[in-house]
Full PDB file with SEQRES, HELIX, SHEET, SSBOND, CRYST1, ORIGX, SCALE, CONECT and MASTER records, all heavy atoms in Angstrom:
SEQRES   1 A   38  MET GLU GLN ASP ALA ALA SER PRO GLY ALA VAL PRO GLU          
SEQRES   2 A   38  THR GLY ALA GLU GLU VAL VAL VAL VAL ARG HIS ARG ARG          
SEQRES   3 A   38  MET THR ASP TRP LEU ARG TRP ILE ALA ALA GLY LEU              
HELIX    1 AA1 GLU A   13  GLY A   37  1                                  25    
CRYST1    1.000    1.000    1.000  90.00  90.00  90.00 P 1           1          
ORIGX1      1.000000  0.000000  0.000000        0.00000                         
ORIGX2      0.000000  1.000000  0.000000        0.00000                         
ORIGX3      0.000000  0.000000  1.000000        0.00000                         
SCALE1      1.000000  0.000000  0.000000        0.00000                         
SCALE2      0.000000  1.000000  0.000000        0.00000                         
SCALE3      0.000000  0.000000  1.000000        0.00000                         
ATOM      1  N   MET A   1    -111.199  62.182 -24.689  1.00  0.00           N  
ATOM      2  CA  MET A   1    -110.539  63.441 -25.014  1.00  0.00           C  
ATOM      3  C   MET A   1    -110.240  63.501 -26.496  1.00  0.00           C  
ATOM      4  O   MET A   1    -109.904  62.487 -27.116  1.00  0.00           O  
ATOM      5  CB  MET A   1    -109.212  63.574 -24.236  1.00  0.00           C  
ATOM      6  CG  MET A   1    -109.399  63.691 -22.734  1.00  0.00           C  
ATOM      7  SD  MET A   1    -107.816  63.772 -21.907  1.00  0.00           S  
ATOM      8  CE  MET A   1    -107.163  65.263 -22.602  1.00  0.00           C  
ATOM      9  N   GLU A   2    -110.345  64.675 -27.079  1.00  0.00           N  
ATOM     10  CA  GLU A   2    -110.018  64.845 -28.480  1.00  0.00           C  
ATOM     11  C   GLU A   2    -108.549  65.198 -28.600  1.00  0.00           C  
ATOM     12  O   GLU A   2    -108.022  66.012 -27.840  1.00  0.00           O  
ATOM     13  CB  GLU A   2    -110.866  65.965 -29.082  1.00  0.00           C  
ATOM     14  CG  GLU A   2    -112.340  65.621 -29.149  1.00  0.00           C  
ATOM     15  CD  GLU A   2    -113.097  66.719 -29.841  1.00  0.00           C  
ATOM     16  OE1 GLU A   2    -112.461  67.714 -30.251  1.00  0.00           O  
ATOM     17  OE2 GLU A   2    -114.320  66.582 -29.998  1.00  0.00           O  
ATOM     18  N   GLN A   3    -107.901  64.575 -29.541  1.00  0.00           N  
ATOM     19  CA  GLN A   3    -106.463  64.791 -29.748  1.00  0.00           C  
ATOM     20  C   GLN A   3    -106.269  66.072 -30.526  1.00  0.00           C  
ATOM     21  O   GLN A   3    -106.956  66.322 -31.528  1.00  0.00           O  
ATOM     22  CB  GLN A   3    -105.843  63.621 -30.501  1.00  0.00           C  
ATOM     23  CG  GLN A   3    -104.332  63.701 -30.568  1.00  0.00           C  
ATOM     24  CD  GLN A   3    -103.765  62.453 -31.235  1.00  0.00           C  
ATOM     25  OE1 GLN A   3    -104.477  61.808 -31.959  1.00  0.00           O  
ATOM     26  NE2 GLN A   3    -102.522  62.153 -30.949  1.00  0.00           N  
ATOM     27  N   ASP A   4    -105.317  66.880 -30.103  1.00  0.00           N  
ATOM     28  CA  ASP A   4    -105.052  68.124 -30.797  1.00  0.00           C  
ATOM     29  C   ASP A   4    -104.420  67.843 -32.145  1.00  0.00           C  
ATOM     30  O   ASP A   4    -103.562  66.968 -32.285  1.00  0.00           O  
ATOM     31  CB  ASP A   4    -104.100  68.992 -29.945  1.00  0.00           C  
ATOM     32  CG  ASP A   4    -103.873  70.348 -30.601  1.00  0.00           C  
ATOM     33  OD1 ASP A   4    -104.845  71.113 -30.706  1.00  0.00           O  
ATOM     34  OD2 ASP A   4    -102.709  70.585 -30.997  1.00  0.00           O  
ATOM     35  N   ALA A   5    -104.843  68.539 -33.176  1.00  0.00           N  
ATOM     36  CA  ALA A   5    -104.371  68.290 -34.535  1.00  0.00           C  
ATOM     37  C   ALA A   5    -102.882  68.520 -34.648  1.00  0.00           C  
ATOM     38  O   ALA A   5    -102.227  67.960 -35.511  1.00  0.00           O  
ATOM     39  CB  ALA A   5    -105.120  69.193 -35.517  1.00  0.00           C  
ATOM     40  N   ALA A   6    -102.324  69.332 -33.752  1.00  0.00           N  
ATOM     41  CA  ALA A   6    -100.891  69.637 -33.846  1.00  0.00           C  
ATOM     42  C   ALA A   6    -100.045  68.706 -33.011  1.00  0.00           C  
ATOM     43  O   ALA A   6     -98.843  68.854 -32.949  1.00  0.00           O  
ATOM     44  CB  ALA A   6    -100.649  71.094 -33.434  1.00  0.00           C  
ATOM     45  N   SER A   7    -100.667  67.799 -32.281  1.00  0.00           N  
ATOM     46  CA  SER A   7     -99.917  66.881 -31.415  1.00  0.00           C  
ATOM     47  C   SER A   7     -99.064  65.935 -32.242  1.00  0.00           C  
ATOM     48  O   SER A   7     -99.341  65.685 -33.407  1.00  0.00           O  
ATOM     49  CB  SER A   7    -100.896  66.100 -30.541  1.00  0.00           C  
ATOM     50  OG  SER A   7    -101.683  65.265 -31.352  1.00  0.00           O  
ATOM     51  N   PRO A   8     -97.972  65.357 -31.614  1.00  0.00           N  
ATOM     52  CA  PRO A   8     -97.041  64.481 -32.359  1.00  0.00           C  
ATOM     53  C   PRO A   8     -97.729  63.260 -32.934  1.00  0.00           C  
ATOM     54  O   PRO A   8     -97.290  62.707 -33.935  1.00  0.00           O  
ATOM     55  CB  PRO A   8     -95.990  64.115 -31.297  1.00  0.00           C  
ATOM     56  CG  PRO A   8     -96.059  65.202 -30.287  1.00  0.00           C  
ATOM     57  CD  PRO A   8     -97.461  65.662 -30.250  1.00  0.00           C  
ATOM     58  N   GLY A   9     -98.796  62.709 -32.300  1.00  0.00           N  
ATOM     59  CA  GLY A   9     -99.413  61.469 -32.787  1.00  0.00           C  
ATOM     60  C   GLY A   9    -100.282  61.666 -33.985  1.00  0.00           C  
ATOM     61  O   GLY A   9    -100.734  60.706 -34.600  1.00  0.00           O  
ATOM     62  N   ALA A  10    -100.567  62.867 -34.384  1.00  0.00           N  
ATOM     63  CA  ALA A  10    -101.475  63.104 -35.509  1.00  0.00           C  
ATOM     64  C   ALA A  10    -100.713  63.079 -36.817  1.00  0.00           C  
ATOM     65  O   ALA A  10     -99.555  63.461 -36.894  1.00  0.00           O  
ATOM     66  CB  ALA A  10    -102.167  64.445 -35.331  1.00  0.00           C  
ATOM     67  N   VAL A  11    -101.370  62.607 -37.913  1.00  0.00           N  
ATOM     68  CA  VAL A  11    -100.798  62.590 -39.270  1.00  0.00           C  
ATOM     69  C   VAL A  11    -101.442  63.682 -40.060  1.00  0.00           C  
ATOM     70  O   VAL A  11    -102.671  63.703 -40.195  1.00  0.00           O  
ATOM     71  CB  VAL A  11    -101.039  61.250 -39.962  1.00  0.00           C  
ATOM     72  CG1 VAL A  11    -100.471  61.290 -41.382  1.00  0.00           C  
ATOM     73  CG2 VAL A  11    -100.418  60.115 -39.180  1.00  0.00           C  
ATOM     74  N   PRO A  12    -100.670  64.612 -40.550  1.00  0.00           N  
ATOM     75  CA  PRO A  12    -101.260  65.700 -41.321  1.00  0.00           C  
ATOM     76  C   PRO A  12    -102.012  65.171 -42.510  1.00  0.00           C  
ATOM     77  O   PRO A  12    -101.625  64.194 -43.150  1.00  0.00           O  
ATOM     78  CB  PRO A  12    -100.031  66.531 -41.752  1.00  0.00           C  
ATOM     79  CG  PRO A  12     -98.960  66.167 -40.789  1.00  0.00           C  
ATOM     80  CD  PRO A  12     -99.206  64.776 -40.384  1.00  0.00           C  
ATOM     81  N   GLU A  13    -103.103  65.805 -42.823  1.00  0.00           N  
ATOM     82  CA  GLU A  13    -103.971  65.344 -43.911  1.00  0.00           C  
ATOM     83  C   GLU A  13    -103.222  65.373 -45.231  1.00  0.00           C  
ATOM     84  O   GLU A  13    -103.358  64.474 -46.065  1.00  0.00           O  
ATOM     85  CB  GLU A  13    -105.208  66.236 -43.957  1.00  0.00           C  
ATOM     86  CG  GLU A  13    -106.262  65.733 -44.933  1.00  0.00           C  
ATOM     87  CD  GLU A  13    -107.525  66.547 -44.822  1.00  0.00           C  
ATOM     88  OE1 GLU A  13    -107.799  67.036 -43.711  1.00  0.00           O  
ATOM     89  OE2 GLU A  13    -108.227  66.675 -45.831  1.00  0.00           O  
ATOM     90  N   THR A  14    -102.398  66.407 -45.459  1.00  0.00           N  
ATOM     91  CA  THR A  14    -101.648  66.498 -46.708  1.00  0.00           C  
ATOM     92  C   THR A  14    -100.616  65.387 -46.811  1.00  0.00           C  
ATOM     93  O   THR A  14    -100.357  64.855 -47.886  1.00  0.00           O  
ATOM     94  CB  THR A  14    -100.959  67.853 -46.791  1.00  0.00           C  
ATOM     95  OG1 THR A  14    -100.133  68.044 -45.634  1.00  0.00           O  
ATOM     96  CG2 THR A  14    -101.977  68.986 -46.852  1.00  0.00           C  
ATOM     97  N   GLY A  15    -100.029  64.942 -45.712  1.00  0.00           N  
ATOM     98  CA  GLY A  15     -99.049  63.837 -45.717  1.00  0.00           C  
ATOM     99  C   GLY A  15     -99.677  62.537 -46.147  1.00  0.00           C  
ATOM    100  O   GLY A  15     -99.099  61.750 -46.892  1.00  0.00           O  
ATOM    101  N   ALA A  16    -100.898  62.226 -45.674  1.00  0.00           N  
ATOM    102  CA  ALA A  16    -101.590  60.996 -46.072  1.00  0.00           C  
ATOM    103  C   ALA A  16    -101.845  60.980 -47.564  1.00  0.00           C  
ATOM    104  O   ALA A  16    -101.704  59.955 -48.237  1.00  0.00           O  
ATOM    105  CB  ALA A  16    -102.906  60.884 -45.292  1.00  0.00           C  
ATOM    106  N   GLU A  17    -102.219  62.135 -48.082  1.00  0.00           N  
ATOM    107  CA  GLU A  17    -102.485  62.198 -49.527  1.00  0.00           C  
ATOM    108  C   GLU A  17    -101.209  61.927 -50.316  1.00  0.00           C  
ATOM    109  O   GLU A  17    -101.218  61.252 -51.346  1.00  0.00           O  
ATOM    110  CB  GLU A  17    -103.041  63.571 -49.874  1.00  0.00           C  
ATOM    111  CG  GLU A  17    -104.444  63.819 -49.336  1.00  0.00           C  
ATOM    112  CD  GLU A  17    -104.929  65.227 -49.647  1.00  0.00           C  
ATOM    113  OE1 GLU A  17    -104.097  66.005 -50.167  1.00  0.00           O  
ATOM    114  OE2 GLU A  17    -106.102  65.518 -49.372  1.00  0.00           O  
ATOM    115  N   GLU A  18    -100.059  62.471 -49.791  1.00  0.00           N  
ATOM    116  CA  GLU A  18     -98.794  62.237 -50.486  1.00  0.00           C  
ATOM    117  C   GLU A  18     -98.426  60.757 -50.489  1.00  0.00           C  
ATOM    118  O   GLU A  18     -97.925  60.229 -51.480  1.00  0.00           O  
ATOM    119  CB  GLU A  18     -97.683  63.057 -49.813  1.00  0.00           C  
ATOM    120  CG  GLU A  18     -97.830  64.554 -50.038  1.00  0.00           C  
ATOM    121  CD  GLU A  18     -96.751  65.337 -49.308  1.00  0.00           C  
ATOM    122  OE1 GLU A  18     -95.963  64.689 -48.595  1.00  0.00           O  
ATOM    123  OE2 GLU A  18     -96.692  66.563 -49.445  1.00  0.00           O  
ATOM    124  N   VAL A  19     -98.670  60.046 -49.360  1.00  0.00           N  
ATOM    125  CA  VAL A  19     -98.382  58.601 -49.294  1.00  0.00           C  
ATOM    126  C   VAL A  19     -99.196  57.846 -50.322  1.00  0.00           C  
ATOM    127  O   VAL A  19     -98.709  56.960 -51.041  1.00  0.00           O  
ATOM    128  CB  VAL A  19     -98.669  58.063 -47.879  1.00  0.00           C  
ATOM    129  CG1 VAL A  19     -98.600  56.545 -47.879  1.00  0.00           C  
ATOM    130  CG2 VAL A  19     -97.670  58.637 -46.890  1.00  0.00           C  
ATOM    131  N   VAL A  20    -100.483  58.164 -50.455  1.00  0.00           N  
ATOM    132  CA  VAL A  20    -101.355  57.496 -51.427  1.00  0.00           C  
ATOM    133  C   VAL A  20    -100.870  57.755 -52.840  1.00  0.00           C  
ATOM    134  O   VAL A  20    -100.822  56.864 -53.690  1.00  0.00           O  
ATOM    135  CB  VAL A  20    -102.815  57.976 -51.256  1.00  0.00           C  
ATOM    136  CG1 VAL A  20    -103.682  57.431 -52.384  1.00  0.00           C  
ATOM    137  CG2 VAL A  20    -103.355  57.536 -49.911  1.00  0.00           C  
ATOM    138  N   VAL A  21    -100.472  58.991 -53.120  1.00  0.00           N  
ATOM    139  CA  VAL A  21     -99.998  59.336 -54.456  1.00  0.00           C  
ATOM    140  C   VAL A  21     -98.727  58.573 -54.797  1.00  0.00           C  
ATOM    141  O   VAL A  21     -98.563  58.047 -55.896  1.00  0.00           O  
ATOM    142  CB  VAL A  21     -99.764  60.866 -54.554  1.00  0.00           C  
ATOM    143  CG1 VAL A  21     -99.036  61.202 -55.860  1.00  0.00           C  
ATOM    144  CG2 VAL A  21    -101.076  61.607 -54.466  1.00  0.00           C  
ATOM    145  N   VAL A  22     -97.786  58.476 -53.810  1.00  0.00           N  
ATOM    146  CA  VAL A  22     -96.540  57.749 -54.041  1.00  0.00           C  
ATOM    147  C   VAL A  22     -96.815  56.283 -54.340  1.00  0.00           C  
ATOM    148  O   VAL A  22     -96.261  55.683 -55.262  1.00  0.00           O  
ATOM    149  CB  VAL A  22     -95.599  57.895 -52.826  1.00  0.00           C  
ATOM    150  CG1 VAL A  22     -94.421  56.935 -52.964  1.00  0.00           C  
ATOM    151  CG2 VAL A  22     -95.106  59.332 -52.725  1.00  0.00           C  
ATOM    152  N   ARG A  23     -97.705  55.685 -53.535  1.00  0.00           N  
ATOM    153  CA  ARG A  23     -98.041  54.271 -53.756  1.00  0.00           C  
ATOM    154  C   ARG A  23     -98.685  54.080 -55.120  1.00  0.00           C  
ATOM    155  O   ARG A  23     -98.436  53.098 -55.827  1.00  0.00           O  
ATOM    156  CB  ARG A  23     -98.972  53.787 -52.653  1.00  0.00           C  
ATOM    157  CG  ARG A  23     -98.290  53.657 -51.298  1.00  0.00           C  
ATOM    158  CD  ARG A  23     -99.275  53.226 -50.242  1.00  0.00           C  
ATOM    159  NE  ARG A  23     -98.616  53.046 -48.951  1.00  0.00           N  
ATOM    160  CZ  ARG A  23     -99.259  52.759 -47.815  1.00  0.00           C  
ATOM    161  NH1 ARG A  23    -100.585  52.660 -47.824  1.00  0.00           N  
ATOM    162  NH2 ARG A  23     -98.580  52.603 -46.698  1.00  0.00           N  
ATOM    163  N   HIS A  24     -99.547  54.989 -55.517  1.00  0.00           N  
ATOM    164  CA  HIS A  24    -100.211  54.892 -56.813  1.00  0.00           C  
ATOM    165  C   HIS A  24     -99.189  54.965 -57.948  1.00  0.00           C  
ATOM    166  O   HIS A  24     -99.270  54.227 -58.929  1.00  0.00           O  
ATOM    167  CB  HIS A  24    -101.241  56.010 -56.941  1.00  0.00           C  
ATOM    168  CG  HIS A  24    -101.936  56.027 -58.269  1.00  0.00           C  
ATOM    169  ND1 HIS A  24    -102.862  55.073 -58.637  1.00  0.00           N  
ATOM    170  CD2 HIS A  24    -101.821  56.883 -59.325  1.00  0.00           C  
ATOM    171  CE1 HIS A  24    -103.296  55.328 -59.851  1.00  0.00           C  
ATOM    172  NE2 HIS A  24    -102.679  56.424 -60.297  1.00  0.00           N  
ATOM    173  N   ARG A  25     -98.208  55.892 -57.773  1.00  0.00           N  
ATOM    174  CA  ARG A  25     -97.180  56.008 -58.797  1.00  0.00           C  
ATOM    175  C   ARG A  25     -96.347  54.730 -58.906  1.00  0.00           C  
ATOM    176  O   ARG A  25     -96.009  54.286 -60.003  1.00  0.00           O  
ATOM    177  CB  ARG A  25     -96.275  57.200 -58.481  1.00  0.00           C  
ATOM    178  CG  ARG A  25     -96.952  58.555 -58.716  1.00  0.00           C  
ATOM    179  CD  ARG A  25     -96.026  59.679 -58.302  1.00  0.00           C  
ATOM    180  NE  ARG A  25     -96.656  60.978 -58.559  1.00  0.00           N  
ATOM    181  CZ  ARG A  25     -96.108  62.119 -58.183  1.00  0.00           C  
ATOM    182  NH1 ARG A  25     -94.942  62.137 -57.517  1.00  0.00           N  
ATOM    183  NH2 ARG A  25     -96.721  63.268 -58.443  1.00  0.00           N  
ATOM    184  N   ARG A  26     -96.015  54.138 -57.745  1.00  0.00           N  
ATOM    185  CA  ARG A  26     -95.232  52.902 -57.768  1.00  0.00           C  
ATOM    186  C   ARG A  26     -95.998  51.780 -58.470  1.00  0.00           C  
ATOM    187  O   ARG A  26     -95.440  51.017 -59.265  1.00  0.00           O  
ATOM    188  CB  ARG A  26     -94.864  52.491 -56.339  1.00  0.00           C  
ATOM    189  CG  ARG A  26     -93.825  53.387 -55.696  1.00  0.00           C  
ATOM    190  CD  ARG A  26     -93.539  52.936 -54.280  1.00  0.00           C  
ATOM    191  NE  ARG A  26     -92.505  53.768 -53.655  1.00  0.00           N  
ATOM    192  CZ  ARG A  26     -92.125  53.637 -52.387  1.00  0.00           C  
ATOM    193  NH1 ARG A  26     -92.700  52.718 -51.608  1.00  0.00           N  
ATOM    194  NH2 ARG A  26     -91.173  54.408 -51.902  1.00  0.00           N  
ATOM    195  N   MET A  27     -97.284  51.653 -58.176  1.00  0.00           N  
ATOM    196  CA  MET A  27     -98.103  50.625 -58.808  1.00  0.00           C  
ATOM    197  C   MET A  27     -98.182  50.854 -60.311  1.00  0.00           C  
ATOM    198  O   MET A  27     -98.080  49.917 -61.115  1.00  0.00           O  
ATOM    199  CB  MET A  27     -99.501  50.621 -58.193  1.00  0.00           C  
ATOM    200  CG  MET A  27    -100.429  49.544 -58.783  1.00  0.00           C  
ATOM    201  SD  MET A  27     -99.803  47.861 -58.496  1.00  0.00           S  
ATOM    202  CE  MET A  27    -100.007  47.771 -56.704  1.00  0.00           C  
ATOM    203  N   THR A  28     -98.339  52.113 -60.694  1.00  0.00           N  
ATOM    204  CA  THR A  28     -98.401  52.437 -62.125  1.00  0.00           C  
ATOM    205  C   THR A  28     -97.091  52.087 -62.812  1.00  0.00           C  
ATOM    206  O   THR A  28     -97.067  51.541 -63.924  1.00  0.00           O  
ATOM    207  CB  THR A  28     -98.714  53.931 -62.303  1.00  0.00           C  
ATOM    208  OG1 THR A  28     -99.950  54.239 -61.649  1.00  0.00           O  
ATOM    209  CG2 THR A  28     -98.825  54.274 -63.787  1.00  0.00           C  
ATOM    210  N   ASP A  29     -95.956  52.395 -62.118  1.00  0.00           N  
ATOM    211  CA  ASP A  29     -94.648  52.065 -62.690  1.00  0.00           C  
ATOM    212  C   ASP A  29     -94.505  50.550 -62.876  1.00  0.00           C  
ATOM    213  O   ASP A  29     -94.001  50.079 -63.901  1.00  0.00           O  
ATOM    214  CB  ASP A  29     -93.530  52.598 -61.796  1.00  0.00           C  
ATOM    215  CG  ASP A  29     -93.452  54.123 -61.832  1.00  0.00           C  
ATOM    216  OD1 ASP A  29     -93.989  54.696 -62.804  1.00  0.00           O  
ATOM    217  OD2 ASP A  29     -92.875  54.699 -60.902  1.00  0.00           O  
ATOM    218  N   TRP A  30     -94.942  49.775 -61.853  1.00  0.00           N  
ATOM    219  CA  TRP A  30     -94.867  48.311 -61.959  1.00  0.00           C  
ATOM    220  C   TRP A  30     -95.671  47.810 -63.143  1.00  0.00           C  
ATOM    221  O   TRP A  30     -95.227  46.948 -63.905  1.00  0.00           O  
ATOM    222  CB  TRP A  30     -95.383  47.668 -60.664  1.00  0.00           C  
ATOM    223  CG  TRP A  30     -94.359  47.543 -59.588  1.00  0.00           C  
ATOM    224  CD1 TRP A  30     -94.274  48.277 -58.453  1.00  0.00           C  
ATOM    225  CD2 TRP A  30     -93.246  46.648 -59.568  1.00  0.00           C  
ATOM    226  NE1 TRP A  30     -93.191  47.907 -57.707  1.00  0.00           N  
ATOM    227  CE2 TRP A  30     -92.540  46.897 -58.369  1.00  0.00           C  
ATOM    228  CE3 TRP A  30     -92.771  45.667 -60.432  1.00  0.00           C  
ATOM    229  CZ2 TRP A  30     -91.401  46.191 -58.022  1.00  0.00           C  
ATOM    230  CZ3 TRP A  30     -91.628  44.956 -60.081  1.00  0.00           C  
ATOM    231  CH2 TRP A  30     -90.961  45.227 -58.890  1.00  0.00           C  
ATOM    232  N   LEU A  31     -96.890  48.321 -63.296  1.00  0.00           N  
ATOM    233  CA  LEU A  31     -97.732  47.901 -64.417  1.00  0.00           C  
ATOM    234  C   LEU A  31     -97.085  48.259 -65.747  1.00  0.00           C  
ATOM    235  O   LEU A  31     -97.144  47.492 -66.713  1.00  0.00           O  
ATOM    236  CB  LEU A  31     -99.117  48.546 -64.300  1.00  0.00           C  
ATOM    237  CG  LEU A  31     -99.990  48.053 -63.135  1.00  0.00           C  
ATOM    238  CD1 LEU A  31    -101.286  48.857 -63.066  1.00  0.00           C  
ATOM    239  CD2 LEU A  31    -100.290  46.567 -63.276  1.00  0.00           C  
ATOM    240  N   ARG A  32     -96.472  49.444 -65.821  1.00  0.00           N  
ATOM    241  CA  ARG A  32     -95.807  49.844 -67.051  1.00  0.00           C  
ATOM    242  C   ARG A  32     -94.632  48.921 -67.368  1.00  0.00           C  
ATOM    243  O   ARG A  32     -94.422  48.534 -68.512  1.00  0.00           O  
ATOM    244  CB  ARG A  32     -95.324  51.289 -66.928  1.00  0.00           C  
ATOM    245  CG  ARG A  32     -96.444  52.325 -66.972  1.00  0.00           C  
ATOM    246  CD  ARG A  32     -95.892  53.713 -66.746  1.00  0.00           C  
ATOM    247  NE  ARG A  32     -96.955  54.719 -66.804  1.00  0.00           N  
ATOM    248  CZ  ARG A  32     -96.771  56.001 -66.507  1.00  0.00           C  
ATOM    249  NH1 ARG A  32     -95.564  56.435 -66.142  1.00  0.00           N  
ATOM    250  NH2 ARG A  32     -97.779  56.841 -66.581  1.00  0.00           N  
ATOM    251  N   TRP A  33     -93.848  48.585 -66.315  1.00  0.00           N  
ATOM    252  CA  TRP A  33     -92.714  47.698 -66.542  1.00  0.00           C  
ATOM    253  C   TRP A  33     -93.175  46.311 -67.008  1.00  0.00           C  
ATOM    254  O   TRP A  33     -92.569  45.724 -67.890  1.00  0.00           O  
ATOM    255  CB  TRP A  33     -91.893  47.577 -65.253  1.00  0.00           C  
ATOM    256  CG  TRP A  33     -91.224  48.872 -64.856  1.00  0.00           C  
ATOM    257  CD1 TRP A  33     -90.908  49.940 -65.657  1.00  0.00           C  
ATOM    258  CD2 TRP A  33     -90.798  49.219 -63.544  1.00  0.00           C  
ATOM    259  NE1 TRP A  33     -90.314  50.932 -64.943  1.00  0.00           N  
ATOM    260  CE2 TRP A  33     -90.220  50.543 -63.622  1.00  0.00           C  
ATOM    261  CE3 TRP A  33     -90.831  48.590 -62.298  1.00  0.00           C  
ATOM    262  CZ2 TRP A  33     -89.699  51.191 -62.519  1.00  0.00           C  
ATOM    263  CZ3 TRP A  33     -90.291  49.252 -61.189  1.00  0.00           C  
ATOM    264  CH2 TRP A  33     -89.748  50.543 -61.303  1.00  0.00           C  
ATOM    265  N   ILE A  34     -94.221  45.786 -66.374  1.00  0.00           N  
ATOM    266  CA  ILE A  34     -94.745  44.473 -66.770  1.00  0.00           C  
ATOM    267  C   ILE A  34     -95.247  44.510 -68.213  1.00  0.00           C  
ATOM    268  O   ILE A  34     -94.971  43.613 -69.023  1.00  0.00           O  
ATOM    269  CB  ILE A  34     -95.866  44.026 -65.814  1.00  0.00           C  
ATOM    270  CG1 ILE A  34     -95.290  43.755 -64.415  1.00  0.00           C  
ATOM    271  CG2 ILE A  34     -96.575  42.779 -66.350  1.00  0.00           C  
ATOM    272  CD1 ILE A  34     -96.342  43.455 -63.368  1.00  0.00           C  
ATOM    273  N   ALA A  35     -96.003  45.583 -68.545  1.00  0.00           N  
ATOM    274  CA  ALA A  35     -96.514  45.719 -69.907  1.00  0.00           C  
ATOM    275  C   ALA A  35     -95.366  45.832 -70.907  1.00  0.00           C  
ATOM    276  O   ALA A  35     -95.391  45.217 -71.991  1.00  0.00           O  
ATOM    277  CB  ALA A  35     -97.428  46.933 -70.004  1.00  0.00           C  
ATOM    278  N   ALA A  36     -94.332  46.619 -70.537  1.00  0.00           N  
ATOM    279  CA  ALA A  36     -93.182  46.759 -71.426  1.00  0.00           C  
ATOM    280  C   ALA A  36     -92.468  45.418 -71.614  1.00  0.00           C  
ATOM    281  O   ALA A  36     -92.040  45.080 -72.718  1.00  0.00           O  
ATOM    282  CB  ALA A  36     -92.210  47.809 -70.866  1.00  0.00           C  
ATOM    283  N   GLY A  37     -92.358  44.656 -70.517  1.00  0.00           N  
ATOM    284  CA  GLY A  37     -91.723  43.349 -70.611  1.00  0.00           C  
ATOM    285  C   GLY A  37     -92.499  42.394 -71.508  1.00  0.00           C  
ATOM    286  O   GLY A  37     -91.919  41.671 -72.320  1.00  0.00           O  
ATOM    287  N   LEU A  38     -93.837  42.401 -71.371  1.00  0.00           N  
ATOM    288  CA  LEU A  38     -94.661  41.542 -72.213  1.00  0.00           C  
ATOM    289  C   LEU A  38     -94.551  41.940 -73.681  1.00  0.00           C  
ATOM    290  O   LEU A  38     -94.460  41.079 -74.566  1.00  0.00           O  
ATOM    291  CB  LEU A  38     -96.124  41.594 -71.749  1.00  0.00           C  
ATOM    292  CG  LEU A  38     -96.425  40.929 -70.404  1.00  0.00           C  
ATOM    293  CD1 LEU A  38     -97.885  41.167 -70.016  1.00  0.00           C  
ATOM    294  CD2 LEU A  38     -96.136  39.434 -70.453  1.00  0.00           C  
TER     295      LEU A  38                                                      
MASTER        0    0    0    1    0    0    0    6  294    1    0    3          
END                                                                             
């Protein structure tokens, strides 16, 4: 059976993109802090 896109178990496509962007920003911040420390 195909899961309905609106069902509770589905992750909206825009939400996944936001998670990736947040993680990317955190990694960038860490690199900036390390570079600043060096």
